[in-house]
Amino acid sequence: MEQEILDSYNRLNSLNVSRETYLDFESFISMVIEKNKKINIISQETAKSSIIRERHIIDSAQIIDFIDLNQNTTTDLGSGGGMPGIIIAIILKYIKKNIKVNLYEKSHHKSAFLKEVSKKLELKTEIIQKNVFDLKNIETGTIMSRAFKPMPIVLDLVYENFSSYKNLIFFMGRNGKNVFKNSLKNWDLEYVEKKSLTSEDSFLLNIKNIKKKITKN
């Protein structure tokens, strides 16, 4: 692998990510670019290796230390093109933890792509082509939400549809502070906040407990 590409992954050096994973990351990037010529996995404007590496791969991989490695499953809500679900599955493959990543994606074409990637890269995943809002009593370890639905909707979904989970990870963007502040009006959350590796305006939330506040009339 070219040194320039290796250097671009330097920000992951302090995390639980081995160098072996980078080759799979690069294979995944190639698959995304190729499939993007037929269906929109990501926007056409960002379908370049360097941009995908920065905006999607590194951004997704940075949550690995939030993933509960003592559970049997991890769940990606609305996986789309597989960021972060596929990225986390690649990392877990080399950590050698027997954890399955459940990828919820209702789009037929994107689900087919996720299956194709999982097979080629030999990932331990299950692609669930269903609307997660229609399912009840879901059990999992870590839940990941990146560019899926607004925070209040995801909090409601997890509260109502998941019977068991360990933690919930949010990727918060430029308006994240206001969104989070407004969410705290309706929810008591036990959380840890972490600055994003890829954007000055973004941050990550690792939420352990979700409790709905009782509204007063």
C-alpha atoms as a PDB file:
ATOM      1  CA  MET A   1       0.000   0.000   0.000  1.00  0.00           C
ATOM      2  CA  GLU A   2       1.271   3.478  -0.853  1.00  0.00           C
ATOM      3  CA  GLN A   3       2.739   5.453   2.038  1.00  0.00           C
ATOM      4  CA  GLU A   4       0.442   8.359   1.262  1.00  0.00           C
ATOM      5  CA  ILE A   5      -2.591   6.145   1.857  1.00  0.00           C
ATOM      6  CA  LEU A   6      -1.092   4.703   5.045  1.00  0.00           C
ATOM      7  CA  ASP A   7      -0.402   8.219   6.294  1.00  0.00           C
ATOM      8  CA  SER A   8      -4.011   9.206   5.708  1.00  0.00           C
ATOM      9  CA  TYR A   9      -5.052   6.600   8.288  1.00  0.00           C
ATOM     10  CA  ASN A  10      -2.654   7.923  10.948  1.00  0.00           C
ATOM     11  CA  ARG A  11      -5.488   9.412  12.990  1.00  0.00           C
ATOM     12  CA  LEU A  12      -6.712   5.895  13.737  1.00  0.00           C
ATOM     13  CA  ASN A  13      -3.387   4.848  15.282  1.00  0.00           C
ATOM     14  CA  SER A  14      -4.560   5.545  18.830  1.00  0.00           C
ATOM     15  CA  LEU A  15      -7.675   3.412  18.365  1.00  0.00           C
ATOM     16  CA  ASN A  16      -8.238  -0.348  18.272  1.00  0.00           C
ATOM     17  CA  VAL A  17      -7.640  -0.506  14.509  1.00  0.00           C
ATOM     18  CA  SER A  18      -4.896  -2.681  13.016  1.00  0.00           C
ATOM     19  CA  ARG A  19      -3.028  -1.920   9.789  1.00  0.00           C
ATOM     20  CA  GLU A  20      -4.469  -5.100   8.271  1.00  0.00           C
ATOM     21  CA  THR A  21      -7.838  -3.403   8.115  1.00  0.00           C
ATOM     22  CA  TYR A  22      -6.618  -0.689   5.745  1.00  0.00           C
ATOM     23  CA  LEU A  23      -6.410  -3.083   2.801  1.00  0.00           C
ATOM     24  CA  ASP A  24     -10.052  -4.047   3.325  1.00  0.00           C
ATOM     25  CA  PHE A  25     -10.959  -0.376   3.674  1.00  0.00           C
ATOM     26  CA  GLU A  26      -9.340   0.287   0.305  1.00  0.00           C
ATOM     27  CA  SER A  27     -11.153  -2.681  -1.288  1.00  0.00           C
ATOM     28  CA  PHE A  28     -14.406  -1.346   0.102  1.00  0.00           C
ATOM     29  CA  ILE A  29     -13.696   2.122  -1.306  1.00  0.00           C
ATOM     30  CA  SER A  30     -13.144   0.579  -4.764  1.00  0.00           C
ATOM     31  CA  MET A  31     -16.434  -1.302  -4.504  1.00  0.00           C
ATOM     32  CA  VAL A  32     -18.302   1.852  -3.499  1.00  0.00           C
ATOM     33  CA  ILE A  33     -16.878   3.828  -6.429  1.00  0.00           C
ATOM     34  CA  GLU A  34     -17.712   1.047  -8.905  1.00  0.00           C
ATOM     35  CA  LYS A  35     -21.266   0.508  -7.617  1.00  0.00           C
ATOM     36  CA  ASN A  36     -21.842   4.257  -7.446  1.00  0.00           C
ATOM     37  CA  LYS A  37     -21.724   4.334 -11.259  1.00  0.00           C
ATOM     38  CA  LYS A  38     -24.979   2.346 -11.245  1.00  0.00           C
ATOM     39  CA  ILE A  39     -26.801   3.394  -8.066  1.00  0.00           C
ATOM     40  CA  ASN A  40     -26.284   6.209  -5.590  1.00  0.00           C
ATOM     41  CA  ILE A  41     -24.367   4.696  -2.708  1.00  0.00           C
ATOM     42  CA  ILE A  42     -22.918   8.122  -1.918  1.00  0.00           C
ATOM     43  CA  SER A  43     -23.217  11.461  -3.697  1.00  0.00           C
ATOM     44  CA  GLN A  44     -21.461  11.622  -7.069  1.00  0.00           C
ATOM     45  CA  GLU A  45     -19.507  14.701  -5.960  1.00  0.00           C
ATOM     46  CA  THR A  46     -17.818  12.772  -3.142  1.00  0.00           C
ATOM     47  CA  ALA A  47     -17.159   9.506  -5.023  1.00  0.00           C
ATOM     48  CA  LYS A  48     -13.377   9.863  -4.939  1.00  0.00           C
ATOM     49  CA  SER A  49     -11.020   7.668  -2.922  1.00  0.00           C
ATOM     50  CA  SER A  50      -9.487  10.465  -0.839  1.00  0.00           C
ATOM     51  CA  ILE A  51     -12.875  11.974   0.024  1.00  0.00           C
ATOM     52  CA  ILE A  52     -14.468   8.603   0.860  1.00  0.00           C
ATOM     53  CA  ARG A  53     -11.478   7.734   3.032  1.00  0.00           C
ATOM     54  CA  GLU A  54     -11.783  10.971   4.998  1.00  0.00           C
ATOM     55  CA  ARG A  55     -15.513  11.587   5.080  1.00  0.00           C
ATOM     56  CA  HIS A  56     -16.753   8.017   5.480  1.00  0.00           C
ATOM     57  CA  ILE A  57     -14.047   5.496   6.416  1.00  0.00           C
ATOM     58  CA  ILE A  58     -12.117   7.388   9.091  1.00  0.00           C
ATOM     59  CA  ASP A  59     -15.276   9.074  10.325  1.00  0.00           C
ATOM     60  CA  SER A  60     -16.974   5.686  10.791  1.00  0.00           C
ATOM     61  CA  ALA A  61     -13.940   3.863  12.195  1.00  0.00           C
ATOM     62  CA  GLN A  62     -13.410   6.383  14.997  1.00  0.00           C
ATOM     63  CA  ILE A  63     -16.278   4.887  17.038  1.00  0.00           C
ATOM     64  CA  ILE A  64     -14.643   1.457  17.436  1.00  0.00           C
ATOM     65  CA  ASP A  65     -13.665   2.103  21.063  1.00  0.00           C
ATOM     66  CA  PHE A  66     -17.342   2.773  21.840  1.00  0.00           C
ATOM     67  CA  ILE A  67     -18.419  -0.637  20.515  1.00  0.00           C
ATOM     68  CA  ASP A  68     -19.260  -3.103  23.301  1.00  0.00           C
ATOM     69  CA  LEU A  69     -17.003  -6.064  22.482  1.00  0.00           C
ATOM     70  CA  ASN A  70     -18.656  -8.314  25.079  1.00  0.00           C
ATOM     71  CA  GLN A  71     -21.895  -8.663  23.115  1.00  0.00           C
ATOM     72  CA  ASN A  72     -22.877 -11.048  20.306  1.00  0.00           C
ATOM     73  CA  THR A  73     -24.284  -8.371  17.998  1.00  0.00           C
ATOM     74  CA  THR A  74     -23.919  -4.735  17.032  1.00  0.00           C
ATOM     75  CA  THR A  75     -26.610  -2.894  15.074  1.00  0.00           C
ATOM     76  CA  ASP A  76     -26.372  -0.240  12.347  1.00  0.00           C
ATOM     77  CA  LEU A  77     -29.603   1.678  11.798  1.00  0.00           C
ATOM     78  CA  GLY A  78     -30.334   2.584   8.181  1.00  0.00           C
ATOM     79  CA  SER A  79     -26.959   1.361   6.995  1.00  0.00           C
ATOM     80  CA  GLY A  80     -27.202   2.756   3.447  1.00  0.00           C
ATOM     81  CA  GLY A  81     -23.817   2.166   1.824  1.00  0.00           C
ATOM     82  CA  GLY A  82     -22.424   0.540   4.965  1.00  0.00           C
ATOM     83  CA  MET A  83     -21.003   3.476   6.859  1.00  0.00           C
ATOM     84  CA  PRO A  84     -20.460   2.797   9.713  1.00  0.00           C
ATOM     85  CA  GLY A  85     -21.735  -0.828   9.741  1.00  0.00           C
ATOM     86  CA  ILE A  86     -19.407  -2.332   7.133  1.00  0.00           C
ATOM     87  CA  ILE A  87     -16.446  -0.338   8.458  1.00  0.00           C
ATOM     88  CA  ILE A  88     -17.012  -1.643  11.990  1.00  0.00           C
ATOM     89  CA  ALA A  89     -17.462  -5.198  10.654  1.00  0.00           C
ATOM     90  CA  ILE A  90     -14.075  -4.913   8.905  1.00  0.00           C
ATOM     91  CA  ILE A  91     -12.376  -3.773  12.112  1.00  0.00           C
ATOM     92  CA  LEU A  92     -14.062  -6.499  14.167  1.00  0.00           C
ATOM     93  CA  LYS A  93     -12.867  -9.098  11.661  1.00  0.00           C
ATOM     94  CA  TYR A  94      -9.269  -8.331  12.638  1.00  0.00           C
ATOM     95  CA  ILE A  95      -9.953  -7.849  16.344  1.00  0.00           C
ATOM     96  CA  LYS A  96     -11.152 -11.474  16.093  1.00  0.00           C
ATOM     97  CA  LYS A  97     -14.199 -10.929  18.262  1.00  0.00           C
ATOM     98  CA  ASN A  98     -17.138 -13.173  17.391  1.00  0.00           C
ATOM     99  CA  ILE A  99     -19.556 -10.275  16.952  1.00  0.00           C
ATOM    100  CA  LYS A 100     -22.129 -10.085  14.175  1.00  0.00           C
ATOM    101  CA  VAL A 101     -23.035  -6.685  12.764  1.00  0.00           C
ATOM    102  CA  ASN A 102     -26.729  -6.366  11.902  1.00  0.00           C
ATOM    103  CA  LEU A 103     -27.267  -3.902   9.062  1.00  0.00           C
ATOM    104  CA  TYR A 104     -30.822  -2.593   8.744  1.00  0.00           C
ATOM    105  CA  GLU A 105     -31.397  -1.226   5.225  1.00  0.00           C
ATOM    106  CA  LYS A 106     -34.817  -1.271   3.549  1.00  0.00           C
ATOM    107  CA  SER A 107     -33.515  -0.442   0.045  1.00  0.00           C
ATOM    108  CA  HIS A 108     -33.246  -3.556  -2.120  1.00  0.00           C
ATOM    109  CA  HIS A 109     -30.312  -2.218  -4.167  1.00  0.00           C
ATOM    110  CA  LYS A 110     -28.289  -1.046  -1.177  1.00  0.00           C
ATOM    111  CA  SER A 111     -29.018  -4.275   0.714  1.00  0.00           C
ATOM    112  CA  ALA A 112     -27.747  -6.261  -2.275  1.00  0.00           C
ATOM    113  CA  PHE A 113     -24.584  -4.138  -2.282  1.00  0.00           C
ATOM    114  CA  LEU A 114     -24.044  -4.730   1.443  1.00  0.00           C
ATOM    115  CA  LYS A 115     -24.365  -8.489   0.895  1.00  0.00           C
ATOM    116  CA  GLU A 116     -21.909  -8.327  -1.997  1.00  0.00           C
ATOM    117  CA  VAL A 117     -19.351  -6.450   0.114  1.00  0.00           C
ATOM    118  CA  SER A 118     -19.826  -8.759   3.101  1.00  0.00           C
ATOM    119  CA  LYS A 119     -19.268 -11.833   0.972  1.00  0.00           C
ATOM    120  CA  LYS A 120     -16.184 -10.486  -0.795  1.00  0.00           C
ATOM    121  CA  LEU A 121     -14.543  -9.232   2.409  1.00  0.00           C
ATOM    122  CA  GLU A 122     -15.708 -12.248   4.469  1.00  0.00           C
ATOM    123  CA  LEU A 123     -17.462 -10.139   7.100  1.00  0.00           C
ATOM    124  CA  LYS A 124     -19.669 -11.416   9.895  1.00  0.00           C
ATOM    125  CA  THR A 125     -22.840  -9.479   9.090  1.00  0.00           C
ATOM    126  CA  GLU A 126     -26.555  -9.956   8.638  1.00  0.00           C
ATOM    127  CA  ILE A 127     -28.282  -7.695   6.128  1.00  0.00           C
ATOM    128  CA  ILE A 128     -31.858  -7.097   7.254  1.00  0.00           C
ATOM    129  CA  GLN A 129     -33.884  -5.634   4.393  1.00  0.00           C
ATOM    130  CA  LYS A 130     -36.734  -4.342   6.522  1.00  0.00           C
ATOM    131  CA  ASN A 131     -37.940  -1.054   7.936  1.00  0.00           C
ATOM    132  CA  VAL A 132     -36.566  -1.129  11.473  1.00  0.00           C
ATOM    133  CA  PHE A 133     -39.521   0.992  12.634  1.00  0.00           C
ATOM    134  CA  ASP A 134     -41.807  -1.969  11.890  1.00  0.00           C
ATOM    135  CA  LEU A 135     -39.914  -4.338  14.187  1.00  0.00           C
ATOM    136  CA  LYS A 136     -40.328  -4.832  17.934  1.00  0.00           C
ATOM    137  CA  ASN A 137     -38.395  -6.364  20.824  1.00  0.00           C
ATOM    138  CA  ILE A 138     -35.027  -6.082  19.078  1.00  0.00           C
ATOM    139  CA  GLU A 139     -32.038  -7.219  21.125  1.00  0.00           C
ATOM    140  CA  THR A 140     -28.454  -6.143  20.478  1.00  0.00           C
ATOM    141  CA  GLY A 141     -25.294  -4.766  22.019  1.00  0.00           C
ATOM    142  CA  THR A 142     -24.188  -1.429  20.580  1.00  0.00           C
ATOM    143  CA  ILE A 143     -26.507   0.567  18.297  1.00  0.00           C
ATOM    144  CA  MET A 144     -24.988   2.928  15.711  1.00  0.00           C
ATOM    145  CA  SER A 145     -26.798   5.851  14.078  1.00  0.00           C
ATOM    146  CA  ARG A 146     -25.016   7.881  11.406  1.00  0.00           C
ATOM    147  CA  ALA A 147     -26.957  10.099   8.961  1.00  0.00           C
ATOM    148  CA  PHE A 148     -30.059   7.971   9.539  1.00  0.00           C
ATOM    149  CA  LYS A 149     -32.846   9.992  11.172  1.00  0.00           C
ATOM    150  CA  PRO A 150     -32.920  13.050  13.465  1.00  0.00           C
ATOM    151  CA  MET A 151     -31.851  12.342  17.035  1.00  0.00           C
ATOM    152  CA  PRO A 152     -35.345  12.635  18.616  1.00  0.00           C
ATOM    153  CA  ILE A 153     -36.735  10.058  16.166  1.00  0.00           C
ATOM    154  CA  VAL A 154     -33.875   7.615  16.814  1.00  0.00           C
ATOM    155  CA  LEU A 155     -34.248   8.002  20.591  1.00  0.00           C
ATOM    156  CA  ASP A 156     -37.949   7.183  20.278  1.00  0.00           C
ATOM    157  CA  LEU A 157     -37.160   4.209  18.034  1.00  0.00           C
ATOM    158  CA  VAL A 158     -34.630   2.732  20.454  1.00  0.00           C
ATOM    159  CA  TYR A 159     -36.881   3.391  23.461  1.00  0.00           C
ATOM    160  CA  GLU A 160     -39.950   1.792  21.858  1.00  0.00           C
ATOM    161  CA  ASN A 161     -38.555  -0.942  19.570  1.00  0.00           C
ATOM    162  CA  PHE A 162     -35.470  -2.291  21.356  1.00  0.00           C
ATOM    163  CA  SER A 163     -36.031  -4.534  24.354  1.00  0.00           C
ATOM    164  CA  SER A 164     -32.321  -4.835  25.117  1.00  0.00           C
ATOM    165  CA  TYR A 165     -29.179  -2.889  24.140  1.00  0.00           C
ATOM    166  CA  LYS A 166     -25.948  -1.733  25.762  1.00  0.00           C
ATOM    167  CA  ASN A 167     -25.263   1.686  24.256  1.00  0.00           C
ATOM    168  CA  LEU A 168     -26.229   4.004  21.436  1.00  0.00           C
ATOM    169  CA  ILE A 169     -23.714   5.946  19.331  1.00  0.00           C
ATOM    170  CA  PHE A 170     -24.671   9.153  17.519  1.00  0.00           C
ATOM    171  CA  PHE A 171     -22.615  11.060  14.950  1.00  0.00           C
ATOM    172  CA  MET A 172     -23.493  14.709  15.546  1.00  0.00           C
ATOM    173  CA  GLY A 173     -22.841  17.328  12.875  1.00  0.00           C
ATOM    174  CA  ARG A 174     -22.681  21.100  12.656  1.00  0.00           C
ATOM    175  CA  ASN A 175     -26.085  21.664  14.273  1.00  0.00           C
ATOM    176  CA  GLY A 176     -25.545  18.818  16.724  1.00  0.00           C
ATOM    177  CA  LYS A 177     -25.180  20.973  19.835  1.00  0.00           C
ATOM    178  CA  ASN A 178     -28.619  22.526  19.391  1.00  0.00           C
ATOM    179  CA  VAL A 179     -30.222  19.198  18.474  1.00  0.00           C
ATOM    180  CA  PHE A 180     -28.688  17.547  21.520  1.00  0.00           C
ATOM    181  CA  LYS A 181     -29.679  20.410  23.805  1.00  0.00           C
ATOM    182  CA  ASN A 182     -33.287  20.221  22.630  1.00  0.00           C
ATOM    183  CA  SER A 183     -33.314  16.430  23.034  1.00  0.00           C
ATOM    184  CA  LEU A 184     -32.289  16.803  26.681  1.00  0.00           C
ATOM    185  CA  LYS A 185     -35.561  18.627  27.310  1.00  0.00           C
ATOM    186  CA  ASN A 186     -37.419  15.356  26.753  1.00  0.00           C
ATOM    187  CA  TRP A 187     -34.843  12.736  27.707  1.00  0.00           C
ATOM    188  CA  ASP A 188     -32.576  11.915  30.623  1.00  0.00           C
ATOM    189  CA  LEU A 189     -29.415  10.554  29.021  1.00  0.00           C
ATOM    190  CA  GLU A 190     -26.279   9.061  30.543  1.00  0.00           C
ATOM    191  CA  TYR A 191     -23.645   9.899  27.960  1.00  0.00           C
ATOM    192  CA  VAL A 192     -20.033  10.585  27.040  1.00  0.00           C
ATOM    193  CA  GLU A 193     -19.173  13.195  24.417  1.00  0.00           C
ATOM    194  CA  LYS A 194     -16.108  12.916  22.189  1.00  0.00           C
ATOM    195  CA  LYS A 195     -14.700  15.301  19.606  1.00  0.00           C
ATOM    196  CA  SER A 196     -14.767  14.029  16.015  1.00  0.00           C
ATOM    197  CA  LEU A 197     -11.474  13.146  14.319  1.00  0.00           C
ATOM    198  CA  THR A 198     -12.700  14.397  10.949  1.00  0.00           C
ATOM    199  CA  SER A 199     -14.460  17.698  11.576  1.00  0.00           C
ATOM    200  CA  GLU A 200     -14.036  20.642  13.926  1.00  0.00           C
ATOM    201  CA  ASP A 201     -17.810  21.125  13.914  1.00  0.00           C
ATOM    202  CA  SER A 202     -18.742  17.523  14.726  1.00  0.00           C
ATOM    203  CA  PHE A 203     -18.754  15.285  17.773  1.00  0.00           C
ATOM    204  CA  LEU A 204     -19.751  11.795  18.882  1.00  0.00           C
ATOM    205  CA  LEU A 205     -22.159  10.769  21.619  1.00  0.00           C
ATOM    206  CA  ASN A 206     -21.970   7.452  23.427  1.00  0.00           C
ATOM    207  CA  ILE A 207     -25.247   7.063  25.317  1.00  0.00           C
ATOM    208  CA  LYS A 208     -25.629   4.315  27.925  1.00  0.00           C
ATOM    209  CA  ASN A 209     -29.092   4.927  29.319  1.00  0.00           C
ATOM    210  CA  ILE A 210     -32.200   6.504  27.834  1.00  0.00           C
ATOM    211  CA  LYS A 211     -35.066   7.584  30.060  1.00  0.00           C
ATOM    212  CA  LYS A 212     -38.059   9.592  28.945  1.00  0.00           C
ATOM    213  CA  LYS A 213     -38.835  12.640  31.050  1.00  0.00           C
ATOM    214  CA  ILE A 214     -42.341  12.890  32.434  1.00  0.00           C
ATOM    215  CA  THR A 215     -44.013  15.927  30.939  1.00  0.00           C
ATOM    216  CA  LYS A 216     -46.057  18.110  33.245  1.00  0.00           C
ATOM    217  CA  ASN A 217     -49.420  19.406  32.124  1.00  0.00           C
END
